[in-house]
Amino acid sequence: MANTAEEPSSANELMWTQVKDGAQGVTTSKGQAHNQLINTYDMRVFQLRSDLLAPAIMAALFGMIIVFVLFIKVNGISKLHGGFSGKMVHRWSKFDVSIHWLGAIPCLLLILTGLTLLAGRFFFHPYLSEGLWAGLINAAKLVHDYMAIPFMFGWLLMTVLWAKNQMPKMYDIKWMLYVGGYINFGPFKGKHPDAGFANAGEKLWFWTFALFGLVICASGMLLLFPNVFEPSRTLSLIALVLHSVSAIIITAFSIVHIFMATVMSEGGMECMVSGYCDENWATQHHNLWFDEIKQNGTLTYKK
């Protein structure tokens, strides 16, 4: 009787050991890894996402906000030297303004919901009831999934249509050396280096957004539609890590971009609200572009 009792236990242990080691069986399914009961993967990839990337996205968001708040308190904002002229120069078409917000609004929602999904268990969960936490995570997941598609469309349109004005020029080096003229003290004070339609900072943001936005879109497609692409568990985790790293970088740059447009540069936000900018803003921040449209006859004022 003793031997009979031990045999099933030994058999179960042997089977479980084989399953954990990746033993394969027989199935009518043709999907990838469908003949494995357990899809093994490198746990270090999971730990990287859990232990390092989760705090990093919090630092990218709140760290950059703190840095900019302190910077503005010390440095102040970039004022228009001649004040507002009252003459509004056409800079962006209504279509350009539309695709900017098509990408920008989903991007902000993706940052906030991605932050919740990636790091919320550390920073939000301890302070919420289980029911409220479950509802928050479910809402974040739904918003994140649905906002992914308009973000991809916005990213694609902006990348394709705006790239021609984002090519690096030699004068961009001087712009970077003088930090665009935004420093209000020391040898940098009052310096406004040359800039075309886009300055060097905007170009850096654009190409960062284009490159890491591509990674986010590609990895996001794998994660959104696993039944279509059928990635392995390891590939899914790698995609998740690349997605998170790219999101952290874009989050940090987005905070810089938002502060520069809304707080740091007086008159800057108007460009992406109406498509027009004040003439003094154009001559101070994008003088080469303003000279160009005057010379080629494309300068248009708001009536």
Protein backbone atom coordinates (compact mmCIF):
# COMPACT_ATOMS: atom_id res chain seq x y z
CA MET A 1 0.00 0.00 0.00
CA ALA A 2 2.90 2.32 0.81
CA ASN A 3 4.37 1.91 -2.67
CA THR A 4 0.98 2.52 -4.30
CA ALA A 5 0.57 5.77 -2.38
CA GLU A 6 4.04 7.00 -3.33
CA GLU A 7 3.79 6.27 -7.06
CA PRO A 8 1.20 8.98 -7.97
CA SER A 9 3.15 11.52 -5.94
CA SER A 10 6.38 10.67 -7.75
CA ALA A 11 4.62 10.73 -11.10
CA ASN A 12 3.07 14.13 -10.35
CA GLU A 13 6.41 15.53 -9.25
CA LEU A 14 8.07 14.21 -12.40
CA MET A 15 5.37 15.69 -14.64
CA TRP A 16 5.51 19.06 -12.84
CA THR A 17 9.31 19.13 -13.18
CA GLN A 18 9.02 18.42 -16.89
CA VAL A 19 6.38 21.13 -17.36
CA LYS A 20 8.55 23.72 -15.58
CA ASP A 21 11.49 22.68 -17.75
CA GLY A 22 9.48 23.48 -20.87
CA ALA A 23 8.28 20.02 -21.88
CA GLN A 24 5.98 20.13 -24.91
CA GLY A 25 2.79 18.26 -25.63
CA VAL A 26 0.42 17.80 -28.56
CA THR A 27 -2.29 20.26 -29.56
CA THR A 28 -4.38 21.03 -32.62
CA SER A 29 -3.66 24.76 -32.20
CA LYS A 30 -1.11 26.25 -34.58
CA GLY A 31 -0.29 29.26 -32.40
CA GLN A 32 3.19 29.99 -31.12
CA ALA A 33 4.07 28.11 -27.90
CA HIS A 34 0.58 26.57 -27.71
CA ASN A 35 2.14 23.17 -27.10
CA GLN A 36 3.76 24.39 -23.86
CA LEU A 37 1.78 24.48 -20.61
CA ILE A 38 4.14 27.10 -19.18
CA ASN A 39 5.74 29.73 -21.39
CA THR A 40 9.07 30.36 -19.67
CA TYR A 41 10.86 33.70 -19.84
CA ASP A 42 13.76 35.57 -18.32
CA MET A 43 12.60 36.94 -14.95
CA ARG A 44 15.31 39.62 -15.08
CA VAL A 45 13.31 41.42 -17.76
CA PHE A 46 10.27 41.48 -15.50
CA GLN A 47 12.33 42.69 -12.54
CA LEU A 48 13.86 45.48 -14.63
CA ARG A 49 10.39 46.80 -15.43
CA SER A 50 9.12 46.38 -11.89
CA ASP A 51 12.07 47.61 -9.83
CA LEU A 52 13.73 50.23 -12.05
CA LEU A 53 11.37 51.55 -14.71
CA ALA A 54 8.39 52.12 -12.43
CA PRO A 55 10.20 54.66 -10.21
CA ALA A 56 11.91 56.14 -13.29
CA ILE A 57 8.64 57.25 -14.89
CA MET A 58 7.64 58.95 -11.63
CA ALA A 59 10.99 60.75 -11.59
CA ALA A 60 10.60 61.75 -15.24
CA LEU A 61 7.20 63.31 -14.61
CA PHE A 62 7.42 64.86 -11.15
CA GLY A 63 11.20 65.35 -11.19
CA MET A 64 11.10 67.49 -14.33
CA ILE A 65 8.18 69.51 -12.96
CA ILE A 66 10.14 70.27 -9.78
CA VAL A 67 13.26 71.18 -11.78
CA PHE A 68 11.33 73.62 -13.96
CA VAL A 69 9.48 75.21 -11.07
CA LEU A 70 12.81 75.83 -9.31
CA PHE A 71 14.40 77.08 -12.53
CA ILE A 72 11.62 79.62 -13.14
CA LYS A 73 11.79 80.83 -9.53
CA VAL A 74 15.53 81.49 -9.95
CA ASN A 75 15.66 82.56 -13.60
CA GLY A 76 12.21 83.92 -14.36
CA ILE A 77 10.49 83.57 -17.73
CA SER A 78 11.56 84.78 -21.16
CA LYS A 79 9.79 88.10 -21.64
CA LEU A 80 9.24 89.82 -24.97
CA HIS A 81 11.72 92.69 -24.95
CA GLY A 82 9.42 95.01 -26.86
CA GLY A 83 6.22 93.71 -25.31
CA PHE A 84 3.35 92.49 -27.45
CA SER A 85 3.09 94.28 -30.79
CA GLY A 86 -0.56 93.40 -31.36
CA LYS A 87 0.26 92.22 -34.89
CA MET A 88 -0.28 88.47 -35.26
CA VAL A 89 1.79 86.56 -37.81
CA HIS A 90 0.47 83.35 -39.41
CA ARG A 91 2.67 80.42 -38.34
CA TRP A 92 0.62 77.20 -38.33
CA SER A 93 -2.34 76.16 -40.48
CA LYS A 94 -5.57 75.00 -38.86
CA PHE A 95 -4.72 71.48 -40.01
CA ASP A 96 -1.31 71.65 -38.30
CA VAL A 97 -2.93 72.89 -35.09
CA SER A 98 -5.45 70.03 -35.28
CA ILE A 99 -2.86 67.28 -35.71
CA HIS A 100 -0.79 68.78 -32.89
CA TRP A 101 -3.71 68.36 -30.49
CA LEU A 102 -4.56 64.97 -32.02
CA GLY A 103 -1.17 63.80 -30.79
CA ALA A 104 -0.86 66.00 -27.68
CA ILE A 105 -4.11 65.21 -25.84
CA PRO A 106 -3.78 61.40 -26.17
CA CYS A 107 -0.08 61.72 -25.27
CA LEU A 108 -0.92 63.42 -21.97
CA LEU A 109 -3.61 60.84 -21.18
CA LEU A 110 -1.22 58.02 -22.06
CA ILE A 111 1.44 59.46 -19.74
CA LEU A 112 -0.98 59.71 -16.81
CA THR A 113 -2.58 56.30 -17.35
CA GLY A 114 0.79 54.68 -18.13
CA LEU A 115 2.13 56.12 -14.90
CA THR A 116 -0.79 54.54 -13.03
CA LEU A 117 -0.36 51.16 -14.72
CA LEU A 118 3.42 51.02 -14.38
CA ALA A 119 4.03 52.57 -10.98
CA GLY A 120 0.64 53.02 -9.35
CA ARG A 121 1.03 49.93 -7.19
CA PHE A 122 3.90 51.65 -5.39
CA PHE A 123 2.62 55.21 -5.14
CA PHE A 124 -1.19 55.09 -5.25
CA HIS A 125 -2.32 51.62 -4.18
CA PRO A 126 -1.21 51.88 -0.51
CA TYR A 127 -3.51 54.88 0.00
CA LEU A 128 -6.64 53.51 -1.72
CA SER A 129 -9.18 50.86 -0.84
CA GLU A 130 -9.06 47.67 -2.91
CA GLY A 131 -12.32 48.56 -4.67
CA LEU A 132 -11.18 52.06 -5.58
CA TRP A 133 -7.78 50.79 -6.69
CA ALA A 134 -9.37 48.13 -8.91
CA GLY A 135 -11.65 50.73 -10.50
CA LEU A 136 -8.74 53.12 -11.07
CA ILE A 137 -6.58 50.47 -12.73
CA ASN A 138 -9.44 49.28 -14.93
CA ALA A 139 -10.20 52.85 -16.05
CA ALA A 140 -6.51 53.55 -16.68
CA LYS A 141 -6.20 50.39 -18.81
CA LEU A 142 -9.26 51.28 -20.91
CA VAL A 143 -8.18 54.89 -21.48
CA HIS A 144 -4.62 53.78 -22.28
CA ASP A 145 -5.80 51.27 -24.87
CA TYR A 146 -8.29 53.58 -26.57
CA MET A 147 -6.01 56.62 -26.63
CA ALA A 148 -3.22 54.60 -28.28
CA ILE A 149 -4.80 54.73 -31.74
CA PRO A 150 -5.31 58.53 -32.02
CA PHE A 151 -1.81 59.01 -30.59
CA MET A 152 -0.38 56.82 -33.35
CA PHE A 153 -2.23 58.81 -36.02
CA GLY A 154 -1.04 62.11 -34.52
CA TRP A 155 2.53 60.84 -34.24
CA LEU A 156 2.54 59.65 -37.87
CA LEU A 157 1.10 62.87 -39.30
CA MET A 158 3.39 65.14 -37.30
CA THR A 159 6.49 63.08 -38.10
CA VAL A 160 5.81 62.95 -41.85
CA LEU A 161 4.49 66.49 -42.37
CA TRP A 162 6.78 68.45 -40.04
CA ALA A 163 10.14 66.75 -40.65
CA LYS A 164 11.10 69.18 -43.43
CA ASN A 165 11.25 72.10 -40.95
CA GLN A 166 13.19 70.12 -38.34
CA MET A 167 16.45 69.48 -40.17
CA PRO A 168 19.57 70.48 -38.18
CA LYS A 169 21.46 73.62 -39.26
CA MET A 170 24.86 75.00 -38.28
CA TYR A 171 23.31 77.92 -36.40
CA ASP A 172 21.56 75.41 -34.12
CA ILE A 173 24.90 74.81 -32.38
CA LYS A 174 25.07 78.44 -31.22
CA TRP A 175 21.44 78.24 -30.09
CA MET A 176 22.32 75.29 -27.86
CA LEU A 177 25.44 77.03 -26.50
CA TYR A 178 23.33 80.03 -25.45
CA VAL A 179 20.43 77.83 -24.27
CA GLY A 180 18.19 79.63 -26.74
CA GLY A 181 18.49 82.95 -24.93
CA TYR A 182 16.23 81.82 -22.09
CA ILE A 183 18.84 82.41 -19.37
CA ASN A 184 18.31 85.77 -17.65
CA PHE A 185 21.65 86.12 -15.86
CA GLY A 186 25.40 86.12 -16.47
CA PRO A 187 26.91 86.12 -19.98
CA PHE A 188 23.73 84.52 -21.38
CA LYS A 189 21.44 87.41 -20.45
CA GLY A 190 19.86 89.16 -23.43
CA LYS A 191 21.37 86.74 -25.95
CA HIS A 192 18.93 85.52 -28.59
CA PRO A 193 20.73 83.28 -31.10
CA ASP A 194 19.43 82.79 -34.61
CA ALA A 195 16.62 80.31 -35.23
CA GLY A 196 14.62 79.30 -38.26
CA PHE A 197 11.05 78.02 -38.26
CA ALA A 198 12.07 75.61 -35.48
CA ASN A 199 14.85 76.33 -33.01
CA ALA A 200 17.40 73.72 -31.90
CA GLY A 201 15.42 72.80 -28.78
CA GLU A 202 12.27 72.19 -30.80
CA LYS A 203 14.23 70.09 -33.26
CA LEU A 204 15.68 68.00 -30.45
CA TRP A 205 12.16 67.46 -29.06
CA PHE A 206 10.79 66.62 -32.53
CA TRP A 207 13.37 63.93 -33.32
CA THR A 208 13.11 62.49 -29.82
CA PHE A 209 9.36 62.30 -30.26
CA ALA A 210 9.72 60.81 -33.76
CA LEU A 211 12.24 58.12 -32.73
CA PHE A 212 10.87 57.04 -29.37
CA GLY A 213 7.31 57.54 -30.60
CA LEU A 214 8.09 54.93 -33.26
CA VAL A 215 9.28 52.52 -30.56
CA ILE A 216 6.15 53.22 -28.52
CA CYS A 217 3.87 52.65 -31.52
CA ALA A 218 5.61 49.43 -32.62
CA SER A 219 5.78 47.91 -29.13
CA GLY A 220 2.26 49.16 -28.39
CA MET A 221 0.88 47.31 -31.41
CA LEU A 222 2.43 44.06 -30.13
CA LEU A 223 0.90 44.61 -26.71
CA LEU A 224 -2.50 45.78 -27.98
CA PHE A 225 -3.00 42.99 -30.52
CA PRO A 226 -1.24 39.84 -29.23
CA ASN A 227 -3.68 37.60 -31.08
CA VAL A 228 -2.62 39.17 -34.37
CA PHE A 229 1.16 39.17 -33.88
CA GLU A 230 1.37 36.24 -31.41
CA PRO A 231 4.62 37.33 -29.74
CA SER A 232 6.39 35.01 -27.35
CA ARG A 233 6.25 35.79 -23.64
CA THR A 234 9.86 36.99 -23.73
CA LEU A 235 9.23 39.21 -26.77
CA SER A 236 6.15 40.65 -25.05
CA LEU A 237 8.22 41.52 -21.98
CA ILE A 238 10.97 43.06 -24.10
CA ALA A 239 8.33 45.11 -25.93
CA LEU A 240 6.94 46.19 -22.55
CA VAL A 241 10.39 47.29 -21.36
CA LEU A 242 11.09 49.22 -24.60
CA HIS A 243 7.63 50.75 -24.36
CA SER A 244 8.30 51.87 -20.79
CA VAL A 245 11.80 53.24 -21.48
CA SER A 246 10.52 55.23 -24.47
CA ALA A 247 7.57 56.49 -22.43
CA ILE A 248 9.92 57.71 -19.69
CA ILE A 249 12.03 59.65 -22.21
CA ILE A 250 8.99 61.17 -23.93
CA THR A 251 7.46 62.04 -20.55
CA ALA A 252 10.57 64.01 -19.53
CA PHE A 253 10.73 65.82 -22.87
CA SER A 254 6.98 66.49 -22.80
CA ILE A 255 7.28 68.30 -19.47
CA VAL A 256 10.05 70.48 -20.93
CA HIS A 257 7.96 71.13 -24.06
CA ILE A 258 4.84 72.05 -22.06
CA PHE A 259 6.71 74.39 -19.72
CA MET A 260 8.50 76.10 -22.60
CA ALA A 261 5.26 76.66 -24.50
CA THR A 262 3.00 77.69 -21.64
CA VAL A 263 5.14 79.29 -18.91
CA MET A 264 8.72 79.92 -19.99
CA SER A 265 8.16 81.68 -23.32
CA GLU A 266 5.84 84.68 -23.14
CA GLY A 267 3.45 84.47 -26.10
CA GLY A 268 4.50 80.96 -27.11
CA MET A 269 1.26 79.12 -26.36
CA GLU A 270 -0.73 81.25 -28.79
CA CYS A 271 0.96 79.46 -31.71
CA MET A 272 -0.83 76.19 -31.04
CA VAL A 273 -4.13 77.80 -30.05
CA SER A 274 -4.81 80.07 -33.00
CA GLY A 275 -1.93 79.23 -35.34
CA TYR A 276 -0.66 82.83 -35.08
CA CYS A 277 2.20 84.37 -33.11
CA ASP A 278 2.95 87.94 -32.11
CA GLU A 279 5.36 89.70 -34.47
CA ASN A 280 7.74 90.54 -31.61
CA TRP A 281 7.73 86.90 -30.53
CA ALA A 282 8.60 85.86 -34.10
CA THR A 283 11.51 88.32 -34.38
CA GLN A 284 12.86 87.44 -30.93
CA HIS A 285 12.62 83.65 -31.07
CA HIS A 286 12.54 82.76 -34.80
CA ASN A 287 14.21 85.69 -36.55
CA LEU A 288 15.55 83.76 -39.58
CA TRP A 289 12.11 82.34 -40.31
CA PHE A 290 10.48 85.77 -39.98
CA ASP A 291 13.08 87.33 -42.32
CA GLU A 292 12.51 84.51 -44.80
CA ILE A 293 8.72 84.90 -45.02
CA LYS A 294 9.12 88.68 -45.38
CA GLN A 295 11.53 88.20 -48.27
CA ASN A 296 9.57 85.51 -50.13
CA GLY A 297 6.22 87.27 -49.75
CA THR A 298 4.49 84.62 -47.62
CA LEU A 299 4.20 86.83 -44.53
CA THR A 300 0.52 86.96 -43.55
CA TYR A 301 -1.03 88.88 -40.67
CA LYS A 302 -4.22 88.01 -38.84
CA LYS A 303 -7.01 90.32 -39.97
